[in-house]
Amino acid sequence: MAKLTKDEFISSLKEMTLLEIKELVDAMKEEFGVDPTAVAVAAAPQAGAAADEGPSTATVVLTSCGANKIQVIKIVREITGLGLKEAKDIADNGGNVKENASMDEANEIKAKLEEAGATVEFK
């Protein structure tokens, strides 16, 4: 079998349906024991890291729970896995909800908490 160049391989992929590509990925997993999607996902942050100038992680800090305290406590418990008392303490007194969270995850957490009426900041 002749060796395909990268460009020939990409051209072949362009002609395939999504189902055929999925079958190809599954065959690659079986043949080589490697998940090509995991390699692509792992390589993507390295390429994007040079473009990002801001921090890649943040600590999500609850500063105020607002008027909807019960909902905020539920969200804090969901995110942290803490018990009711510990989550209530964070809601009452403020504090770190999640440390060293990726910026995407931190933004998701902030959106959830702010939707419930809490005030959140990043550190």
N, C-alpha and C. Protein backbone atom coordinates (compact mmCIF):
# COMPACT_ATOMS: atom_id res chain seq x y z
N MET A 1 0.84 -1.17 0.00
CA MET A 1 0.00 0.00 0.00
C MET A 1 0.88 1.24 0.00
N ALA A 2 0.54 2.17 -0.84
CA ALA A 2 1.32 3.40 -0.94
C ALA A 2 1.04 4.29 0.26
N LYS A 3 2.04 4.99 0.68
CA LYS A 3 1.90 5.90 1.80
C LYS A 3 1.18 7.18 1.35
N LEU A 4 0.15 7.58 2.10
CA LEU A 4 -0.59 8.79 1.80
C LEU A 4 0.11 9.99 2.43
N THR A 5 0.13 11.09 1.72
CA THR A 5 0.63 12.32 2.32
C THR A 5 -0.47 12.91 3.18
N LYS A 6 -0.11 13.85 4.00
CA LYS A 6 -1.09 14.51 4.85
C LYS A 6 -2.19 15.17 4.01
N ASP A 7 -1.80 15.83 2.94
CA ASP A 7 -2.77 16.49 2.08
C ASP A 7 -3.72 15.50 1.40
N GLU A 8 -3.19 14.36 0.97
CA GLU A 8 -4.03 13.33 0.35
C GLU A 8 -5.02 12.77 1.38
N PHE A 9 -4.54 12.58 2.60
CA PHE A 9 -5.39 12.05 3.66
C PHE A 9 -6.53 13.03 3.96
N ILE A 10 -6.20 14.32 4.06
CA ILE A 10 -7.22 15.33 4.34
C ILE A 10 -8.22 15.41 3.19
N SER A 11 -7.72 15.33 1.96
CA SER A 11 -8.62 15.33 0.80
C SER A 11 -9.58 14.14 0.85
N SER A 12 -9.07 12.99 1.27
CA SER A 12 -9.92 11.80 1.40
C SER A 12 -10.98 12.02 2.47
N LEU A 13 -10.60 12.66 3.58
CA LEU A 13 -11.55 12.92 4.65
C LEU A 13 -12.67 13.85 4.19
N LYS A 14 -12.32 14.81 3.35
CA LYS A 14 -13.33 15.76 2.86
C LYS A 14 -14.40 15.07 2.04
N GLU A 15 -14.05 13.95 1.42
CA GLU A 15 -15.00 13.22 0.58
C GLU A 15 -15.86 12.24 1.38
N MET A 16 -15.53 12.01 2.66
CA MET A 16 -16.25 11.05 3.49
C MET A 16 -17.45 11.69 4.17
N THR A 17 -18.42 10.84 4.50
CA THR A 17 -19.55 11.29 5.31
C THR A 17 -19.13 11.24 6.78
N LEU A 18 -19.92 11.84 7.64
CA LEU A 18 -19.60 11.80 9.06
C LEU A 18 -19.61 10.38 9.60
N LEU A 19 -20.50 9.57 9.11
CA LEU A 19 -20.56 8.18 9.55
C LEU A 19 -19.29 7.44 9.16
N GLU A 20 -18.80 7.67 7.95
CA GLU A 20 -17.56 7.03 7.50
C GLU A 20 -16.37 7.50 8.32
N ILE A 21 -16.36 8.77 8.67
CA ILE A 21 -15.26 9.30 9.50
C ILE A 21 -15.32 8.68 10.89
N LYS A 22 -16.53 8.55 11.45
CA LYS A 22 -16.66 7.92 12.76
C LYS A 22 -16.16 6.48 12.72
N GLU A 23 -16.50 5.75 11.67
CA GLU A 23 -16.02 4.37 11.52
C GLU A 23 -14.50 4.34 11.41
N LEU A 24 -13.93 5.32 10.71
CA LEU A 24 -12.47 5.41 10.60
C LEU A 24 -11.83 5.64 11.97
N VAL A 25 -12.41 6.54 12.74
CA VAL A 25 -11.89 6.83 14.09
C VAL A 25 -11.98 5.58 14.96
N ASP A 26 -13.10 4.87 14.89
CA ASP A 26 -13.26 3.64 15.66
C ASP A 26 -12.23 2.59 15.25
N ALA A 27 -11.98 2.49 13.95
CA ALA A 27 -10.98 1.53 13.46
C ALA A 27 -9.58 1.91 13.95
N MET A 28 -9.30 3.22 14.00
CA MET A 28 -7.99 3.67 14.49
C MET A 28 -7.82 3.34 15.97
N LYS A 29 -8.92 3.51 16.73
CA LYS A 29 -8.88 3.15 18.16
C LYS A 29 -8.55 1.68 18.32
N GLU A 30 -9.23 0.84 17.52
CA GLU A 30 -9.05 -0.60 17.62
C GLU A 30 -7.65 -1.03 17.16
N GLU A 31 -7.20 -0.48 16.04
CA GLU A 31 -5.92 -0.89 15.46
C GLU A 31 -4.72 -0.44 16.30
N PHE A 32 -4.75 0.83 16.72
CA PHE A 32 -3.58 1.39 17.38
C PHE A 32 -3.74 1.56 18.89
N GLY A 33 -4.95 1.37 19.40
CA GLY A 33 -5.17 1.52 20.83
C GLY A 33 -5.08 2.97 21.29
N VAL A 34 -5.28 3.89 20.37
CA VAL A 34 -5.18 5.32 20.68
C VAL A 34 -6.45 6.00 20.22
N ASP A 35 -6.97 6.88 21.06
CA ASP A 35 -8.15 7.65 20.70
C ASP A 35 -7.68 8.94 20.03
N PRO A 36 -7.85 9.08 18.72
CA PRO A 36 -7.36 10.27 18.03
C PRO A 36 -8.06 11.55 18.50
N THR A 37 -9.29 11.43 19.00
CA THR A 37 -9.97 12.63 19.49
C THR A 37 -9.30 13.14 20.76
N ALA A 38 -8.81 12.24 21.60
CA ALA A 38 -8.11 12.67 22.82
C ALA A 38 -6.82 13.38 22.47
N VAL A 39 -6.13 12.93 21.45
CA VAL A 39 -4.89 13.58 21.02
C VAL A 39 -5.20 14.96 20.47
N ALA A 40 -6.26 15.10 19.70
CA ALA A 40 -6.63 16.39 19.13
C ALA A 40 -7.04 17.36 20.23
N VAL A 41 -7.78 16.88 21.23
CA VAL A 41 -8.20 17.74 22.32
C VAL A 41 -7.01 18.16 23.17
N ALA A 42 -6.08 17.24 23.40
CA ALA A 42 -4.90 17.56 24.20
C ALA A 42 -3.98 18.54 23.48
N ALA A 43 -3.92 18.46 22.16
CA ALA A 43 -3.05 19.35 21.41
C ALA A 43 -3.64 20.74 21.25
N ALA A 44 -4.94 20.87 21.26
CA ALA A 44 -5.58 22.16 21.03
C ALA A 44 -5.22 23.22 22.07
N PRO A 45 -5.22 22.92 23.38
CA PRO A 45 -4.88 23.96 24.34
C PRO A 45 -3.44 24.47 24.18
N GLN A 46 -2.53 23.62 23.76
CA GLN A 46 -1.15 24.07 23.58
C GLN A 46 -1.06 25.09 22.47
N ALA A 47 -1.79 24.89 21.40
CA ALA A 47 -1.76 25.84 20.30
C ALA A 47 -2.42 27.14 20.70
N GLY A 48 -3.49 27.07 21.47
CA GLY A 48 -4.20 28.27 21.87
C GLY A 48 -3.56 28.99 23.03
N ALA A 49 -2.68 28.33 23.76
CA ALA A 49 -2.07 28.93 24.94
C ALA A 49 -1.21 30.13 24.58
N ALA A 50 -0.56 30.09 23.44
CA ALA A 50 0.29 31.21 23.04
C ALA A 50 -0.56 32.44 22.72
N ALA A 51 -1.75 32.25 22.22
CA ALA A 51 -2.61 33.37 21.86
C ALA A 51 -3.25 34.01 23.09
N ASP A 52 -3.50 33.23 24.14
CA ASP A 52 -4.12 33.76 25.34
C ASP A 52 -3.10 34.55 26.15
N GLU A 53 -3.49 35.74 26.53
CA GLU A 53 -2.60 36.54 27.35
C GLU A 53 -3.06 36.56 28.80
N GLY A 54 -4.34 36.24 29.05
CA GLY A 54 -4.89 36.25 30.39
C GLY A 54 -4.58 34.94 31.10
N PRO A 55 -4.99 34.87 32.36
CA PRO A 55 -4.75 33.64 33.12
C PRO A 55 -5.58 32.49 32.57
N SER A 56 -5.06 31.29 32.71
CA SER A 56 -5.78 30.13 32.20
C SER A 56 -6.68 29.51 33.26
N THR A 57 -6.43 29.84 34.54
CA THR A 57 -7.28 29.34 35.62
C THR A 57 -7.68 30.49 36.53
N ALA A 58 -8.72 30.26 37.30
CA ALA A 58 -9.20 31.27 38.23
C ALA A 58 -9.82 30.59 39.44
N THR A 59 -9.88 31.34 40.52
CA THR A 59 -10.60 30.89 41.70
C THR A 59 -11.93 31.63 41.72
N VAL A 60 -13.02 30.88 41.79
CA VAL A 60 -14.35 31.48 41.81
C VAL A 60 -14.70 31.76 43.27
N VAL A 61 -14.96 33.04 43.58
CA VAL A 61 -15.23 33.45 44.95
C VAL A 61 -16.64 34.01 45.04
N LEU A 62 -17.42 33.47 45.95
CA LEU A 62 -18.77 33.97 46.20
C LEU A 62 -18.65 35.12 47.19
N THR A 63 -19.09 36.31 46.80
CA THR A 63 -19.00 37.46 47.69
C THR A 63 -20.31 37.72 48.41
N SER A 64 -21.45 37.39 47.77
CA SER A 64 -22.75 37.59 48.39
C SER A 64 -23.74 36.61 47.74
N CYS A 65 -24.61 36.05 48.57
CA CYS A 65 -25.57 35.08 48.02
C CYS A 65 -26.82 35.76 47.49
N GLY A 66 -27.05 37.02 47.83
CA GLY A 66 -28.24 37.71 47.33
C GLY A 66 -29.49 37.25 48.05
N ALA A 67 -30.63 37.50 47.46
CA ALA A 67 -31.92 37.22 48.09
C ALA A 67 -32.33 35.75 47.99
N ASN A 68 -31.79 35.03 47.02
CA ASN A 68 -32.20 33.64 46.77
C ASN A 68 -31.18 32.68 47.37
N LYS A 69 -31.03 32.74 48.68
CA LYS A 69 -29.98 31.99 49.39
C LYS A 69 -30.09 30.48 49.21
N ILE A 70 -31.29 29.94 49.25
CA ILE A 70 -31.46 28.48 49.14
C ILE A 70 -30.98 27.97 47.79
N GLN A 71 -31.32 28.69 46.73
CA GLN A 71 -30.88 28.29 45.39
C GLN A 71 -29.36 28.35 45.28
N VAL A 72 -28.76 29.39 45.87
CA VAL A 72 -27.30 29.53 45.84
C VAL A 72 -26.65 28.37 46.59
N ILE A 73 -27.21 27.99 47.73
CA ILE A 73 -26.67 26.87 48.51
C ILE A 73 -26.73 25.59 47.67
N LYS A 74 -27.84 25.37 46.98
CA LYS A 74 -27.97 24.18 46.13
C LYS A 74 -26.90 24.16 45.04
N ILE A 75 -26.65 25.31 44.44
CA ILE A 75 -25.65 25.38 43.37
C ILE A 75 -24.26 25.15 43.93
N VAL A 76 -23.96 25.74 45.09
CA VAL A 76 -22.64 25.54 45.73
C VAL A 76 -22.44 24.07 46.05
N ARG A 77 -23.48 23.41 46.56
CA ARG A 77 -23.37 21.98 46.86
C ARG A 77 -23.12 21.17 45.60
N GLU A 78 -23.83 21.53 44.52
CA GLU A 78 -23.69 20.82 43.25
C GLU A 78 -22.25 20.95 42.71
N ILE A 79 -21.70 22.15 42.80
CA ILE A 79 -20.37 22.42 42.24
C ILE A 79 -19.27 21.80 43.10
N THR A 80 -19.38 21.96 44.43
CA THR A 80 -18.30 21.56 45.32
C THR A 80 -18.42 20.15 45.86
N GLY A 81 -19.65 19.64 45.95
CA GLY A 81 -19.84 18.34 46.57
C GLY A 81 -19.84 18.42 48.09
N LEU A 82 -19.89 19.64 48.63
CA LEU A 82 -19.89 19.83 50.08
C LEU A 82 -21.24 19.46 50.67
N GLY A 83 -21.25 19.30 51.98
CA GLY A 83 -22.48 19.05 52.68
C GLY A 83 -23.29 20.33 52.83
N LEU A 84 -24.48 20.18 53.36
CA LEU A 84 -25.39 21.32 53.50
C LEU A 84 -24.79 22.41 54.39
N LYS A 85 -24.23 22.03 55.53
CA LYS A 85 -23.68 23.01 56.46
C LYS A 85 -22.52 23.80 55.85
N GLU A 86 -21.60 23.09 55.18
CA GLU A 86 -20.45 23.75 54.58
C GLU A 86 -20.88 24.69 53.45
N ALA A 87 -21.83 24.24 52.62
CA ALA A 87 -22.33 25.08 51.53
C ALA A 87 -23.05 26.30 52.09
N LYS A 88 -23.80 26.12 53.19
CA LYS A 88 -24.50 27.24 53.82
C LYS A 88 -23.49 28.24 54.37
N ASP A 89 -22.40 27.76 54.96
CA ASP A 89 -21.36 28.66 55.47
C ASP A 89 -20.76 29.52 54.35
N ILE A 90 -20.52 28.91 53.18
CA ILE A 90 -20.00 29.67 52.05
C ILE A 90 -21.03 30.70 51.59
N ALA A 91 -22.29 30.31 51.55
CA ALA A 91 -23.34 31.24 51.12
C ALA A 91 -23.49 32.39 52.12
N ASP A 92 -23.40 32.09 53.41
CA ASP A 92 -23.55 33.13 54.44
C ASP A 92 -22.36 34.07 54.51
N ASN A 93 -21.17 33.50 54.48
CA ASN A 93 -19.96 34.27 54.73
C ASN A 93 -19.14 34.58 53.49
N GLY A 94 -19.51 34.00 52.38
CA GLY A 94 -18.70 34.15 51.17
C GLY A 94 -17.51 33.20 51.24
N GLY A 95 -16.81 33.06 50.15
CA GLY A 95 -15.64 32.20 50.15
C GLY A 95 -15.44 31.55 48.80
N ASN A 96 -14.37 30.76 48.73
CA ASN A 96 -14.01 30.10 47.48
C ASN A 96 -15.00 28.98 47.18
N VAL A 97 -15.56 29.04 45.98
CA VAL A 97 -16.45 27.98 45.53
C VAL A 97 -15.64 26.94 44.79
N LYS A 98 -14.70 27.38 43.94
CA LYS A 98 -13.86 26.46 43.17
C LYS A 98 -12.52 27.12 42.94
N GLU A 99 -11.45 26.42 43.27
CA GLU A 99 -10.10 26.93 43.07
C GLU A 99 -9.49 26.30 41.83
N ASN A 100 -8.65 27.05 41.15
CA ASN A 100 -7.92 26.58 39.96
C ASN A 100 -8.84 25.99 38.91
N ALA A 101 -9.97 26.62 38.70
CA ALA A 101 -10.90 26.19 37.65
C ALA A 101 -10.45 26.79 36.33
N SER A 102 -10.64 26.06 35.24
CA SER A 102 -10.34 26.62 33.93
C SER A 102 -11.26 27.82 33.72
N MET A 103 -10.85 28.74 32.85
CA MET A 103 -11.65 29.94 32.65
C MET A 103 -13.05 29.59 32.12
N ASP A 104 -13.15 28.58 31.28
CA ASP A 104 -14.47 28.17 30.78
C ASP A 104 -15.35 27.69 31.92
N GLU A 105 -14.78 26.82 32.75
CA GLU A 105 -15.54 26.28 33.88
C GLU A 105 -15.88 27.40 34.86
N ALA A 106 -14.93 28.31 35.12
CA ALA A 106 -15.17 29.42 36.04
C ALA A 106 -16.31 30.31 35.53
N ASN A 107 -16.34 30.56 34.23
CA ASN A 107 -17.41 31.38 33.66
C ASN A 107 -18.77 30.69 33.77
N GLU A 108 -18.79 29.36 33.59
CA GLU A 108 -20.03 28.60 33.73
C GLU A 108 -20.55 28.68 35.17
N ILE A 109 -19.63 28.50 36.13
CA ILE A 109 -20.01 28.55 37.54
C ILE A 109 -20.53 29.95 37.89
N LYS A 110 -19.82 30.97 37.42
CA LYS A 110 -20.23 32.35 37.68
C LYS A 110 -21.63 32.60 37.12
N ALA A 111 -21.87 32.13 35.90
CA ALA A 111 -23.18 32.34 35.28
C ALA A 111 -24.28 31.67 36.09
N LYS A 112 -24.05 30.43 36.56
CA LYS A 112 -25.05 29.72 37.36
C LYS A 112 -25.37 30.47 38.65
N LEU A 113 -24.30 30.92 39.32
CA LEU A 113 -24.51 31.59 40.59
C LEU A 113 -25.16 32.95 40.41
N GLU A 114 -24.75 33.68 39.40
CA GLU A 114 -25.35 35.00 39.16
C GLU A 114 -26.81 34.88 38.73
N GLU A 115 -27.13 33.82 38.02
CA GLU A 115 -28.52 33.57 37.64
C GLU A 115 -29.40 33.39 38.87
N ALA A 116 -28.82 32.81 39.92
CA ALA A 116 -29.54 32.60 41.17
C ALA A 116 -29.55 33.86 42.04
N GLY A 117 -28.84 34.91 41.61
CA GLY A 117 -28.85 36.18 42.35
C GLY A 117 -27.60 36.44 43.18
N ALA A 118 -26.61 35.58 43.09
CA ALA A 118 -25.38 35.75 43.87
C ALA A 118 -24.43 36.72 43.18
N THR A 119 -23.50 37.24 43.97
CA THR A 119 -22.43 38.08 43.45
C THR A 119 -21.15 37.25 43.49
N VAL A 120 -20.46 37.18 42.34
CA VAL A 120 -19.29 36.31 42.22
C VAL A 120 -18.15 37.10 41.61
N GLU A 121 -16.93 36.78 42.02
CA GLU A 121 -15.75 37.38 41.40
C GLU A 121 -14.67 36.32 41.20
N PHE A 122 -13.71 36.64 40.35
CA PHE A 122 -12.58 35.74 40.10
C PHE A 122 -11.34 36.30 40.78
N LYS A 123 -10.51 35.41 41.24
CA LYS A 123 -9.20 35.81 41.78
C LYS A 123 -8.15 34.98 41.12
